[in-house]
Protein backbone atom coordinates (compact mmCIF):
# COMPACT_ATOMS: atom_id res chain seq x y z
CA MET A 1 9.08 -15.21 18.93
CA ALA A 2 9.60 -18.84 17.94
CA GLU A 3 8.76 -19.95 14.44
CA LYS A 4 6.47 -22.93 13.96
CA ALA A 5 8.34 -24.45 11.02
CA MET A 6 11.73 -25.75 12.01
CA ALA A 7 14.56 -26.94 9.75
CA HIS A 8 17.11 -29.51 10.82
CA VAL A 9 20.58 -28.23 9.95
CA VAL A 10 23.92 -29.90 10.54
CA LEU A 11 26.85 -27.49 10.64
CA ILE A 12 30.46 -28.50 10.52
CA VAL A 13 32.65 -25.60 11.54
CA SER A 14 36.38 -25.47 12.06
CA LEU A 15 37.20 -23.25 15.03
CA PRO A 16 40.20 -22.73 17.26
CA ALA A 17 40.15 -25.28 20.10
CA SER A 18 40.41 -22.56 22.74
CA LEU A 19 37.30 -20.83 21.38
CA VAL A 20 35.39 -24.13 21.37
CA ARG A 21 36.36 -24.72 25.03
CA GLN A 22 35.37 -21.18 26.05
CA ALA A 23 32.05 -21.43 24.22
CA ALA A 24 31.29 -24.80 25.84
CA ALA A 25 32.24 -23.46 29.30
CA GLN A 26 29.84 -20.54 28.83
CA GLY A 27 26.99 -22.67 27.50
CA LEU A 28 27.21 -21.25 23.99
CA ARG A 29 27.26 -24.59 22.17
CA THR A 30 23.59 -25.39 22.62
CA ALA A 31 21.06 -25.26 19.80
CA ASP A 32 19.09 -22.55 21.65
CA MET A 33 22.17 -20.39 22.10
CA LEU A 34 23.28 -20.80 18.49
CA GLU A 35 19.76 -19.86 17.38
CA ALA A 36 19.90 -16.75 19.59
CA LEU A 37 23.31 -15.79 18.21
CA LEU A 38 22.14 -16.22 14.61
CA ARG A 39 18.94 -14.22 15.27
CA ALA A 40 20.99 -11.44 16.87
CA GLU A 41 23.32 -11.30 13.87
CA VAL A 42 20.41 -11.27 11.41
CA GLN A 43 18.80 -8.40 13.34
CA HIS A 44 22.12 -6.54 13.53
CA ARG A 45 22.53 -6.78 9.77
CA ARG A 46 18.97 -5.49 9.23
CA VAL A 47 19.72 -2.47 11.39
CA VAL A 48 23.03 -1.81 9.62
CA HIS A 49 21.29 -2.08 6.24
CA PHE A 50 18.54 0.29 7.42
CA PHE A 51 21.03 2.96 8.50
CA GLU A 52 23.17 2.54 5.37
CA THR A 53 20.04 3.07 3.28
CA ALA A 54 19.02 6.07 5.39
CA HIS A 55 22.46 7.65 4.92
CA ARG A 56 22.31 7.08 1.16
CA LEU A 57 18.86 8.67 1.02
CA ALA A 58 20.00 11.61 3.13
CA ALA A 59 22.90 12.18 0.75
CA LEU A 60 20.64 12.47 -2.30
CA PRO A 61 20.33 15.98 -3.69
CA ARG A 62 17.04 17.59 -2.75
CA THR A 63 15.29 20.64 -3.98
CA PRO A 64 12.82 22.29 -1.63
CA LEU A 65 9.16 22.13 -2.59
CA ALA A 66 7.51 25.32 -3.71
CA GLU A 67 4.55 26.56 -1.67
CA ALA A 68 2.16 25.49 -4.43
CA GLU A 69 3.63 21.95 -4.41
CA VAL A 70 3.20 21.71 -0.62
CA GLN A 71 -0.41 22.88 -0.88
CA ALA A 72 -1.08 20.40 -3.70
CA GLU A 73 0.30 17.53 -1.57
CA ILE A 74 -1.85 18.59 1.38
CA HIS A 75 -4.92 18.85 -0.86
CA ASP A 76 -4.29 15.38 -2.34
CA ALA A 77 -3.74 13.81 1.09
CA ARG A 78 -6.92 15.36 2.47
CA ALA A 79 -8.92 14.26 -0.57
CA GLU A 80 -7.63 10.70 -0.18
CA TRP A 81 -8.38 10.77 3.54
CA ARG A 82 -11.97 11.89 2.91
CA VAL A 83 -12.76 8.98 0.58
CA THR A 84 -11.10 6.23 2.63
CA PRO A 85 -13.92 3.78 3.51
CA VAL A 86 -12.75 3.13 7.07
CA ARG A 87 -12.40 6.83 7.79
CA SER A 88 -15.83 7.53 6.29
CA GLU A 89 -17.42 4.82 8.46
CA LEU A 90 -15.61 6.14 11.53
CA VAL A 91 -16.77 9.71 10.93
CA ALA A 92 -20.31 8.48 10.32
CA SER A 93 -20.30 6.53 13.59
CA PHE A 94 -19.04 9.59 15.50
CA ARG A 95 -21.73 11.73 13.93
CA TYR A 96 -24.33 9.14 14.90
CA ALA A 97 -22.97 9.02 18.46
CA ASP A 98 -23.00 12.83 18.67
CA ALA A 99 -26.55 12.98 17.37
CA SER A 100 -27.74 10.33 19.86
CA HIS A 101 -26.23 12.32 22.76
CA MET A 102 -28.00 15.45 21.57
CA ASP A 103 -31.29 13.58 21.31
CA HIS A 104 -31.01 12.59 24.97
CA GLY A 105 -30.12 16.05 26.20
CA VAL A 106 -26.49 15.14 26.92
CA SER A 107 -24.18 18.04 26.22
CA GLN A 108 -20.50 17.77 25.51
């Protein structure tokens, strides 16, 4: 996806002449291709960082939750879910839809 704001950048890079010739022969010296190469490298580094972080997290010592802790987490999540405005509106609209079907003799 192209960004709207563009920056004009002038790069001066010293490269082996053979690499410059190969890149030119393969169409790699265009602004579009350099942009694609830079985007690919940025994405690659994000992925590497993600997996490095995941491995560090996986290596952290963990203690299993007790049954009471699991139940407390479930209780808290359900309580939060019940008071979420969007969820409450959604449930209310379903109840209204169900009630309107019943009023018209439509069974489910």
